[in-house]
N, C-alpha and C. Protein backbone atom coordinates (compact mmCIF):
# COMPACT_ATOMS: atom_id res chain seq x y z
N MET A 1 116.93 134.70 -36.23
CA MET A 1 115.90 134.22 -37.69
C MET A 1 116.59 133.12 -38.11
N GLY A 2 115.01 131.30 -37.99
CA GLY A 2 115.90 130.16 -38.14
C GLY A 2 116.73 130.17 -39.22
N LYS A 3 116.80 129.50 -39.65
CA LYS A 3 118.00 128.34 -41.00
C LYS A 3 116.79 127.93 -41.85
N ARG A 4 116.76 129.07 -43.55
CA ARG A 4 115.79 129.12 -44.89
C ARG A 4 116.38 127.75 -45.49
N MET A 5 115.70 127.45 -45.94
CA MET A 5 116.26 125.97 -46.90
C MET A 5 114.56 125.97 -47.88
N THR A 6 115.29 124.77 -48.83
CA THR A 6 114.67 125.17 -50.70
C THR A 6 114.07 124.43 -50.78
N ILE A 7 112.84 123.84 -51.18
CA ILE A 7 112.34 122.46 -51.48
C ILE A 7 111.68 121.88 -52.60
N SER A 8 111.50 120.98 -52.99
CA SER A 8 111.12 120.73 -54.69
C SER A 8 110.27 119.90 -53.81
N LEU A 9 108.35 120.65 -54.49
CA LEU A 9 106.91 120.22 -54.38
C LEU A 9 106.09 119.66 -55.46
N SER A 10 105.95 117.85 -55.87
CA SER A 10 105.07 117.52 -57.11
C SER A 10 104.18 118.53 -56.65
N PRO A 11 103.40 118.82 -58.38
CA PRO A 11 102.60 119.79 -57.94
C PRO A 11 101.10 119.69 -57.16
N ALA A 12 101.60 117.72 -57.26
CA ALA A 12 99.81 117.06 -56.21
C ALA A 12 100.67 118.01 -54.61
N LEU A 13 101.43 117.64 -54.19
CA LEU A 13 101.33 117.75 -52.81
C LEU A 13 101.00 119.89 -52.73
N ASP A 14 101.66 120.04 -53.79
CA ASP A 14 102.09 121.41 -53.94
C ASP A 14 100.01 122.07 -53.55
N ALA A 15 99.82 121.49 -54.52
CA ALA A 15 98.25 121.60 -54.29
C ALA A 15 97.36 121.52 -53.65
N ASP A 16 98.01 120.42 -52.31
CA ASP A 16 97.13 119.76 -51.00
C ASP A 16 97.77 120.82 -49.76
N LEU A 17 98.56 121.31 -50.54
CA LEU A 17 99.57 122.36 -48.93
C LEU A 17 98.10 123.64 -49.66
N GLU A 18 98.47 124.49 -50.55
CA GLU A 18 97.11 125.45 -50.61
C GLU A 18 96.29 125.32 -50.52
N ALA A 19 95.34 124.11 -50.34
CA ALA A 19 93.64 123.75 -50.47
C ALA A 19 94.27 123.66 -48.93
N ILE A 20 95.06 123.30 -47.93
CA ILE A 20 94.78 123.37 -46.12
C ILE A 20 94.92 124.98 -46.31
N ILE A 21 95.71 125.76 -46.82
CA ILE A 21 95.75 127.02 -46.70
C ILE A 21 94.30 127.45 -46.87
N ALA A 22 93.63 127.41 -48.40
CA ALA A 22 92.87 128.56 -48.33
C ALA A 22 91.62 127.40 -47.40
N ASN A 23 92.07 126.30 -46.57
CA ASN A 23 90.45 126.44 -45.78
C ASN A 23 90.77 126.67 -44.17
N ARG A 24 90.03 128.21 -44.53
CA ARG A 24 90.41 129.34 -43.67
C ARG A 24 89.90 128.42 -41.73
N LYS A 25 89.79 127.12 -41.63
CA LYS A 25 88.81 126.53 -40.46
C LYS A 25 90.24 125.76 -40.25
N TYR A 26 91.24 125.59 -40.86
CA TYR A 26 92.76 124.94 -40.56
C TYR A 26 93.75 126.57 -39.64
N ASP A 27 92.90 127.11 -39.68
CA ASP A 27 93.59 128.69 -39.86
C ASP A 27 95.66 128.09 -39.57
N VAL A 28 95.81 128.11 -41.11
CA VAL A 28 97.04 127.64 -41.80
C VAL A 28 96.91 129.53 -42.44
N ARG A 29 98.05 130.20 -42.35
CA ARG A 29 98.75 130.83 -42.68
C ARG A 29 99.46 130.47 -43.93
N ASN A 30 100.26 130.39 -44.48
CA ASN A 30 101.34 130.09 -45.70
C ASN A 30 101.70 128.92 -45.38
N LYS A 31 102.24 128.38 -45.89
CA LYS A 31 103.11 127.21 -46.36
C LYS A 31 104.56 126.78 -45.69
N ALA A 32 105.23 127.95 -45.20
CA ALA A 32 105.91 127.30 -44.35
C ALA A 32 104.99 127.49 -42.82
N GLU A 33 104.33 127.93 -42.47
CA GLU A 33 103.58 127.38 -41.44
C GLU A 33 103.31 126.01 -41.18
N ALA A 34 102.20 125.93 -42.93
CA ALA A 34 101.98 123.76 -41.90
C ALA A 34 102.72 122.98 -42.66
N PHE A 35 103.90 123.11 -42.93
CA PHE A 35 105.22 122.69 -42.50
C PHE A 35 105.71 122.62 -41.77
N ARG A 36 105.77 123.85 -40.42
CA ARG A 36 106.73 124.10 -39.15
C ARG A 36 105.33 123.07 -37.87
N ASN A 37 103.87 123.41 -38.42
CA ASN A 37 103.24 122.45 -37.69
C ASN A 37 103.97 120.04 -37.95
N ALA A 38 103.82 121.37 -39.80
CA ALA A 38 103.80 119.17 -40.17
C ALA A 38 104.93 118.40 -39.19
N ILE A 39 106.01 118.82 -39.14
CA ILE A 39 107.12 118.94 -38.77
C ILE A 39 107.25 118.19 -36.96
N ILE A 40 105.74 119.53 -35.86
CA ILE A 40 105.65 118.93 -34.98
C ILE A 40 105.11 117.98 -34.72
N LEU A 41 103.77 117.99 -35.62
CA LEU A 41 102.72 116.72 -35.06
C LEU A 41 103.86 115.23 -36.00
N TYR A 42 104.84 115.17 -36.89
CA TYR A 42 105.56 114.20 -36.83
C TYR A 42 106.79 113.26 -35.89
N LYS A 43 106.83 115.27 -35.09
CA LYS A 43 108.32 114.11 -33.75
C LYS A 43 107.29 113.73 -33.36
N MET A 44 105.74 114.55 -32.49
CA MET A 44 105.38 114.04 -31.32
C MET A 44 104.85 112.69 -32.28
N VAL A 45 104.39 112.46 -33.99
CA VAL A 45 104.28 110.90 -33.79
C VAL A 45 104.89 110.11 -33.22
N LEU A 46 106.51 110.34 -33.86
CA LEU A 46 107.37 109.70 -34.38
C LEU A 46 108.41 109.13 -31.99
N ASP A 47 107.86 110.41 -31.08
CA ASP A 47 108.35 110.32 -30.34
C ASP A 47 107.48 109.15 -29.81
N GLU A 48 105.89 109.22 -29.69
CA GLU A 48 104.81 108.22 -29.08
C GLU A 48 105.64 106.90 -29.64
N LEU A 49 105.63 106.53 -31.04
CA LEU A 49 105.91 104.61 -31.17
C LEU A 49 107.05 105.22 -30.73
N GLU A 50 107.60 105.73 -30.20
CA GLU A 50 109.51 105.35 -29.89
C GLU A 50 108.78 104.61 -28.25
N GLU A 51 107.76 104.77 -28.09
CA GLU A 51 107.19 104.51 -27.04
C GLU A 51 106.70 103.66 -26.56
N GLY A 52 106.50 102.92 -27.68
CA GLY A 52 105.75 101.55 -27.26
C GLY A 52 104.25 102.16 -28.08
N ARG A 53 104.34 103.37 -28.54
CA ARG A 53 102.16 103.19 -28.24
C ARG A 53 102.18 103.53 -29.85
N LYS A 54 100.60 103.43 -30.44
CA LYS A 54 100.04 103.62 -31.72
C LYS A 54 99.29 104.50 -31.82
N LEU A 55 99.96 104.33 -33.09
CA LEU A 55 98.71 105.99 -33.65
C LEU A 55 97.55 105.77 -34.38
N CYS A 56 96.65 105.80 -33.90
CA CYS A 56 95.23 105.33 -34.61
C CYS A 56 94.41 107.01 -34.73
N PHE A 57 93.06 106.60 -34.87
CA PHE A 57 92.35 106.91 -35.12
C PHE A 57 90.60 106.27 -35.02
N ALA A 58 89.66 107.39 -34.66
CA ALA A 58 89.01 106.75 -33.73
C ALA A 58 87.58 107.02 -33.44
N ASP A 59 86.51 106.29 -33.57
CA ASP A 59 84.64 107.37 -33.95
C ASP A 59 84.94 108.58 -32.49
N LYS A 60 83.77 109.08 -31.90
CA LYS A 60 83.42 110.02 -30.78
C LYS A 60 82.79 108.70 -30.27
N ASP A 61 83.22 107.53 -30.47
CA ASP A 61 82.83 106.24 -29.43
C ASP A 61 84.34 105.32 -28.17
N ASN A 62 85.05 106.11 -29.33
CA ASN A 62 86.12 105.74 -29.11
C ASN A 62 86.41 104.04 -29.60
N HIS A 63 85.85 104.09 -30.87
CA HIS A 63 86.19 103.31 -31.21
C HIS A 63 86.98 103.15 -32.20
N ILE A 64 88.54 102.55 -32.00
CA ILE A 64 89.04 101.92 -33.24
C ILE A 64 88.99 102.42 -34.47
N ILE A 65 89.22 103.20 -35.83
CA ILE A 65 88.37 103.65 -36.74
C ILE A 65 89.85 102.75 -37.86
N LYS A 66 91.27 103.52 -37.77
CA LYS A 66 92.17 102.84 -38.53
C LYS A 66 92.69 103.22 -37.78
N GLU A 67 94.01 102.33 -37.93
CA GLU A 67 95.60 102.22 -37.23
C GLU A 67 96.74 103.09 -38.06
N ILE A 68 97.26 104.10 -37.68
CA ILE A 68 98.59 104.23 -38.97
C ILE A 68 99.67 102.96 -38.75
N LEU A 69 100.59 102.53 -40.13
CA LEU A 69 101.21 101.19 -39.25
C LEU A 69 102.45 102.37 -39.75
N MET A 70 103.45 102.30 -39.16
CA MET A 70 104.80 103.25 -39.58
C MET A 70 106.20 102.41 -38.81
N GLY A 71 106.96 102.16 -39.98
CA GLY A 71 108.52 100.92 -39.12
C GLY A 71 109.43 101.55 -39.59
N LYS A 72 110.07 101.07 -39.36
CA LYS A 72 111.52 101.56 -40.29
C LYS A 72 110.92 100.11 -41.36
């Protein structure tokens, strides 16, 4: 079994998590699963940034509409 932890969430963050779980199109069953997915995604982002790549959102025609800036 994995390591257990307890965290405190602001009411707004807790509401966001509840909304993600309630929206069945995301197929997230509980808060623990949402956190696991978030950590996996965050690790991927950090790995790509370490390689000198950018984090961007693009439209269906691959035009960058937003670049996410993350740094030290």
